[in-house]
Amino acid sequence: MKKEYILTPQQEKFCRYYTQNEALFSNATLSYAEAYNYKLDTLSHEQPVLEKGKDGKPTKFGSSKYKVAYDTCAANASRMLKMDKIQKRITECLNELMTNEFVDSQLMKVIVQNDEKSSKIAGIREFNKLKQRILDRQDITSGGEPANIIGIEYIVPKKLN
């Protein structure tokens, strides 16, 4: 498939993290932070004191370095998701991911973890129906009753001596 658009390396990383990273999947803010090298886990959550009262106690606090960076990532990720070229690339990345092998591996994880209530099961069923890997067959001629078939001849091959 020929791309009609060009992404920056960071935009490509964002699309990959957003669609194909298990820990970041579908989290635009954290995908943006990773792609643009924001080290959120290293930033302080401590809020700086902006004002103190007459008694010297803090009365007004600013935003922590973490909150400023997180909010920046959230705003930029939101803008990025509105771009047509980003949406097209995300669709391509998701289509690359949705292979029989990937879906089978997800089913195996559900089986190994004995997670019968997993929401993945419904998704796996839908994928298999969409790809016609499993066909639901129904008898539409007899209304569910045993069919009464008359006049069919079976041709049995003769034994060769």
C-alpha atoms as a PDB file:
ATOM      1  CA  MET A   1       0.000   0.000   0.000  1.00  0.00           C
ATOM      2  CA  LYS A   2       1.481   3.343  -1.037  1.00  0.00           C
ATOM      3  CA  LYS A   3       1.324   6.069   1.573  1.00  0.00           C
ATOM      4  CA  GLU A   4       0.027   9.421   0.382  1.00  0.00           C
ATOM      5  CA  TYR A   5       1.366  11.211   3.428  1.00  0.00           C
ATOM      6  CA  ILE A   6       4.608  11.590   5.318  1.00  0.00           C
ATOM      7  CA  LEU A   7       4.951  11.321   9.076  1.00  0.00           C
ATOM      8  CA  THR A   8       7.810  12.536  11.216  1.00  0.00           C
ATOM      9  CA  PRO A   9       9.705   9.804  13.071  1.00  0.00           C
ATOM     10  CA  GLN A  10       7.980  10.877  16.319  1.00  0.00           C
ATOM     11  CA  GLN A  11       4.532  10.717  14.691  1.00  0.00           C
ATOM     12  CA  GLU A  12       5.286   7.204  13.428  1.00  0.00           C
ATOM     13  CA  LYS A  13       6.429   6.185  16.916  1.00  0.00           C
ATOM     14  CA  PHE A  14       3.250   7.656  18.383  1.00  0.00           C
ATOM     15  CA  CYS A  15       1.106   5.601  15.988  1.00  0.00           C
ATOM     16  CA  ARG A  16       3.058   2.424  16.787  1.00  0.00           C
ATOM     17  CA  TYR A  17       2.903   2.927  20.560  1.00  0.00           C
ATOM     18  CA  TYR A  18      -0.802   3.792  20.343  1.00  0.00           C
ATOM     19  CA  THR A  19      -1.681   0.670  18.351  1.00  0.00           C
ATOM     20  CA  GLN A  20       0.927  -1.981  19.003  1.00  0.00           C
ATOM     21  CA  ASN A  21       2.367  -1.524  22.482  1.00  0.00           C
ATOM     22  CA  GLU A  22       0.548  -3.672  25.021  1.00  0.00           C
ATOM     23  CA  ALA A  23       1.229  -1.298  27.930  1.00  0.00           C
ATOM     24  CA  LEU A  24       0.327   1.889  26.026  1.00  0.00           C
ATOM     25  CA  PHE A  25      -2.369   0.538  23.691  1.00  0.00           C
ATOM     26  CA  SER A  26      -5.042   3.158  22.989  1.00  0.00           C
ATOM     27  CA  ASN A  27      -3.602   5.603  25.539  1.00  0.00           C
ATOM     28  CA  ALA A  28      -2.814   8.667  23.459  1.00  0.00           C
ATOM     29  CA  THR A  29      -1.275  10.680  26.297  1.00  0.00           C
ATOM     30  CA  LEU A  30       1.247   8.031  27.332  1.00  0.00           C
ATOM     31  CA  SER A  31       1.947   7.076  23.705  1.00  0.00           C
ATOM     32  CA  TYR A  32       2.737  10.717  22.958  1.00  0.00           C
ATOM     33  CA  ALA A  33       4.954  10.965  26.051  1.00  0.00           C
ATOM     34  CA  GLU A  34       6.919   7.888  24.981  1.00  0.00           C
ATOM     35  CA  ALA A  35       7.229   8.949  21.328  1.00  0.00           C
ATOM     36  CA  TYR A  36       8.364  12.470  22.197  1.00  0.00           C
ATOM     37  CA  ASN A  37      10.665  11.327  25.025  1.00  0.00           C
ATOM     38  CA  TYR A  38       8.827  12.870  27.963  1.00  0.00           C
ATOM     39  CA  LYS A  39      10.119  11.003  31.002  1.00  0.00           C
ATOM     40  CA  LEU A  40       6.948  11.318  33.070  1.00  0.00           C
ATOM     41  CA  ASP A  41       8.029   8.750  35.635  1.00  0.00           C
ATOM     42  CA  THR A  42      11.092  10.834  36.519  1.00  0.00           C
ATOM     43  CA  LEU A  43       9.236  14.124  37.091  1.00  0.00           C
ATOM     44  CA  SER A  44       8.306  15.471  40.492  1.00  0.00           C
ATOM     45  CA  HIS A  45       4.701  15.418  41.681  1.00  0.00           C
ATOM     46  CA  GLU A  46       5.518  18.076  44.247  1.00  0.00           C
ATOM     47  CA  GLN A  47       3.508  21.274  43.812  1.00  0.00           C
ATOM     48  CA  PRO A  48       5.508  24.491  44.186  1.00  0.00           C
ATOM     49  CA  VAL A  49       4.255  27.082  46.657  1.00  0.00           C
ATOM     50  CA  LEU A  50       3.114  30.249  44.880  1.00  0.00           C
ATOM     51  CA  GLU A  51       1.810  32.236  47.831  1.00  0.00           C
ATOM     52  CA  LYS A  52       2.088  32.157  51.584  1.00  0.00           C
ATOM     53  CA  GLY A  53      -0.291  33.597  54.101  1.00  0.00           C
ATOM     54  CA  LYS A  54       0.634  36.044  56.878  1.00  0.00           C
ATOM     55  CA  ASP A  55       1.302  33.078  59.115  1.00  0.00           C
ATOM     56  CA  GLY A  56       3.873  31.747  56.626  1.00  0.00           C
ATOM     57  CA  LYS A  57       1.768  28.747  55.623  1.00  0.00           C
ATOM     58  CA  PRO A  58       1.260  28.046  51.911  1.00  0.00           C
ATOM     59  CA  THR A  59      -2.056  29.306  50.533  1.00  0.00           C
ATOM     60  CA  LYS A  60      -1.610  28.818  46.802  1.00  0.00           C
ATOM     61  CA  PHE A  61       0.172  26.044  44.945  1.00  0.00           C
ATOM     62  CA  GLY A  62       1.325  25.724  41.361  1.00  0.00           C
ATOM     63  CA  SER A  63       1.269  22.682  39.155  1.00  0.00           C
ATOM     64  CA  SER A  64       3.883  19.993  39.598  1.00  0.00           C
ATOM     65  CA  LYS A  65       6.410  19.313  36.852  1.00  0.00           C
ATOM     66  CA  TYR A  66       4.659  15.998  36.281  1.00  0.00           C
ATOM     67  CA  LYS A  67       1.239  17.624  35.851  1.00  0.00           C
ATOM     68  CA  VAL A  68       2.577  20.244  33.439  1.00  0.00           C
ATOM     69  CA  ALA A  69       4.282  17.605  31.290  1.00  0.00           C
ATOM     70  CA  TYR A  70       1.299  15.218  31.469  1.00  0.00           C
ATOM     71  CA  ASP A  71      -1.159  17.964  30.477  1.00  0.00           C
ATOM     72  CA  THR A  72       1.128  18.989  27.613  1.00  0.00           C
ATOM     73  CA  CYS A  73       1.246  15.398  26.354  1.00  0.00           C
ATOM     74  CA  ALA A  74      -2.527  15.054  26.672  1.00  0.00           C
ATOM     75  CA  ALA A  75      -3.210  18.252  24.711  1.00  0.00           C
ATOM     76  CA  ASN A  76      -0.705  17.428  21.968  1.00  0.00           C
ATOM     77  CA  ALA A  77      -1.906  13.827  21.690  1.00  0.00           C
ATOM     78  CA  SER A  78      -5.492  15.029  21.341  1.00  0.00           C
ATOM     79  CA  ARG A  79      -4.478  17.399  18.533  1.00  0.00           C
ATOM     80  CA  MET A  80      -2.479  14.639  16.875  1.00  0.00           C
ATOM     81  CA  LEU A  81      -5.443  12.228  16.895  1.00  0.00           C
ATOM     82  CA  LYS A  82      -7.473  14.799  14.946  1.00  0.00           C
ATOM     83  CA  MET A  83      -4.998  14.766  12.050  1.00  0.00           C
ATOM     84  CA  ASP A  84      -6.133  12.765   9.006  1.00  0.00           C
ATOM     85  CA  LYS A  85      -2.671  11.383   8.299  1.00  0.00           C
ATOM     86  CA  ILE A  86      -2.384  10.119  11.876  1.00  0.00           C
ATOM     87  CA  GLN A  87      -5.806   8.452  11.690  1.00  0.00           C
ATOM     88  CA  LYS A  88      -4.859   6.767   8.409  1.00  0.00           C
ATOM     89  CA  ARG A  89      -1.606   5.486   9.874  1.00  0.00           C
ATOM     90  CA  ILE A  90      -3.332   4.221  13.023  1.00  0.00           C
ATOM     91  CA  THR A  91      -5.761   2.279  10.819  1.00  0.00           C
ATOM     92  CA  GLU A  92      -2.854   0.787   8.869  1.00  0.00           C
ATOM     93  CA  CYS A  93      -1.056  -0.185  12.077  1.00  0.00           C
ATOM     94  CA  LEU A  94      -4.167  -1.852  13.471  1.00  0.00           C
ATOM     95  CA  ASN A  95      -4.667  -3.750  10.229  1.00  0.00           C
ATOM     96  CA  GLU A  96      -1.042  -4.943  10.374  1.00  0.00           C
ATOM     97  CA  LEU A  97      -1.675  -6.186  13.875  1.00  0.00           C
ATOM     98  CA  MET A  98      -4.894  -8.073  13.158  1.00  0.00           C
ATOM     99  CA  THR A  99      -3.488 -11.256  11.731  1.00  0.00           C
ATOM    100  CA  ASN A 100      -4.623 -14.802  12.324  1.00  0.00           C
ATOM    101  CA  GLU A 101      -1.422 -15.459  14.261  1.00  0.00           C
ATOM    102  CA  PHE A 102      -1.958 -12.489  16.575  1.00  0.00           C
ATOM    103  CA  VAL A 103      -5.580 -13.376  17.273  1.00  0.00           C
ATOM    104  CA  ASP A 104      -4.635 -17.004  17.895  1.00  0.00           C
ATOM    105  CA  SER A 105      -1.931 -15.901  20.340  1.00  0.00           C
ATOM    106  CA  GLN A 106      -4.469 -13.752  22.202  1.00  0.00           C
ATOM    107  CA  LEU A 107      -6.836 -16.725  22.386  1.00  0.00           C
ATOM    108  CA  MET A 108      -4.006 -18.856  23.738  1.00  0.00           C
ATOM    109  CA  LYS A 109      -3.345 -16.251  26.464  1.00  0.00           C
ATOM    110  CA  VAL A 110      -7.021 -16.379  27.466  1.00  0.00           C
ATOM    111  CA  ILE A 111      -6.913 -20.182  27.545  1.00  0.00           C
ATOM    112  CA  VAL A 112      -3.662 -20.380  29.522  1.00  0.00           C
ATOM    113  CA  GLN A 113      -4.882 -17.791  32.018  1.00  0.00           C
ATOM    114  CA  ASN A 114      -8.210 -19.659  32.274  1.00  0.00           C
ATOM    115  CA  ASP A 115     -10.019 -16.332  31.825  1.00  0.00           C
ATOM    116  CA  GLU A 116     -13.441 -17.395  30.538  1.00  0.00           C
ATOM    117  CA  LYS A 117     -14.915 -13.949  31.198  1.00  0.00           C
ATOM    118  CA  SER A 118     -12.300 -12.079  29.186  1.00  0.00           C
ATOM    119  CA  SER A 119     -13.640  -9.391  26.873  1.00  0.00           C
ATOM    120  CA  LYS A 120     -11.047 -10.632  24.396  1.00  0.00           C
ATOM    121  CA  ILE A 121     -13.187 -13.680  23.661  1.00  0.00           C
ATOM    122  CA  ALA A 122     -15.953 -11.609  22.061  1.00  0.00           C
ATOM    123  CA  GLY A 123     -13.388  -9.751  19.977  1.00  0.00           C
ATOM    124  CA  ILE A 124     -11.772 -12.996  18.869  1.00  0.00           C
ATOM    125  CA  ARG A 125     -15.177 -14.386  17.843  1.00  0.00           C
ATOM    126  CA  GLU A 126     -15.931 -11.266  15.806  1.00  0.00           C
ATOM    127  CA  PHE A 127     -12.537 -11.368  14.125  1.00  0.00           C
ATOM    128  CA  ASN A 128     -13.015 -15.021  13.195  1.00  0.00           C
ATOM    129  CA  LYS A 129     -16.488 -14.293  11.775  1.00  0.00           C
ATOM    130  CA  LEU A 130     -15.200 -11.293   9.846  1.00  0.00           C
ATOM    131  CA  LYS A 131     -12.340 -13.303   8.369  1.00  0.00           C
ATOM    132  CA  GLN A 132     -14.668 -16.295   7.861  1.00  0.00           C
ATOM    133  CA  ARG A 133     -12.300 -18.523   9.790  1.00  0.00           C
ATOM    134  CA  ILE A 134     -15.266 -20.135  11.530  1.00  0.00           C
ATOM    135  CA  LEU A 135     -18.578 -20.485   9.786  1.00  0.00           C
ATOM    136  CA  ASP A 136     -21.871 -20.714  11.610  1.00  0.00           C
ATOM    137  CA  ARG A 137     -24.001 -23.206   9.729  1.00  0.00           C
ATOM    138  CA  GLN A 138     -27.726 -23.441  10.076  1.00  0.00           C
ATOM    139  CA  ASP A 139     -30.242 -25.759   8.458  1.00  0.00           C
ATOM    140  CA  ILE A 140     -32.589 -23.398   6.629  1.00  0.00           C
ATOM    141  CA  THR A 141     -34.482 -26.083   4.698  1.00  0.00           C
ATOM    142  CA  SER A 142     -36.105 -28.151   7.421  1.00  0.00           C
ATOM    143  CA  GLY A 143     -36.777 -25.624  10.149  1.00  0.00           C
ATOM    144  CA  GLY A 144     -34.422 -27.431  12.484  1.00  0.00           C
ATOM    145  CA  GLU A 145     -36.196 -30.796  12.110  1.00  0.00           C
ATOM    146  CA  PRO A 146     -34.399 -33.816  10.698  1.00  0.00           C
ATOM    147  CA  ALA A 147     -34.482 -33.494   6.927  1.00  0.00           C
ATOM    148  CA  ASN A 148     -36.484 -36.025   4.934  1.00  0.00           C
ATOM    149  CA  ILE A 149     -34.416 -36.440   1.794  1.00  0.00           C
ATOM    150  CA  ILE A 150     -35.809 -38.608  -0.971  1.00  0.00           C
ATOM    151  CA  GLY A 151     -34.351 -39.671  -4.279  1.00  0.00           C
ATOM    152  CA  ILE A 152     -30.639 -39.314  -3.673  1.00  0.00           C
ATOM    153  CA  GLU A 153     -28.523 -42.029  -5.166  1.00  0.00           C
ATOM    154  CA  TYR A 154     -25.105 -42.726  -3.850  1.00  0.00           C
ATOM    155  CA  ILE A 155     -22.522 -43.803  -6.340  1.00  0.00           C
ATOM    156  CA  VAL A 156     -20.199 -46.310  -4.755  1.00  0.00           C
ATOM    157  CA  PRO A 157     -17.013 -46.969  -6.671  1.00  0.00           C
ATOM    158  CA  LYS A 158     -16.493 -50.570  -7.677  1.00  0.00           C
ATOM    159  CA  LYS A 159     -13.548 -52.368  -6.252  1.00  0.00           C
ATOM    160  CA  LEU A 160     -10.747 -52.791  -8.678  1.00  0.00           C
ATOM    161  CA  ASN A 161      -9.399 -56.321  -8.859  1.00  0.00           C
END
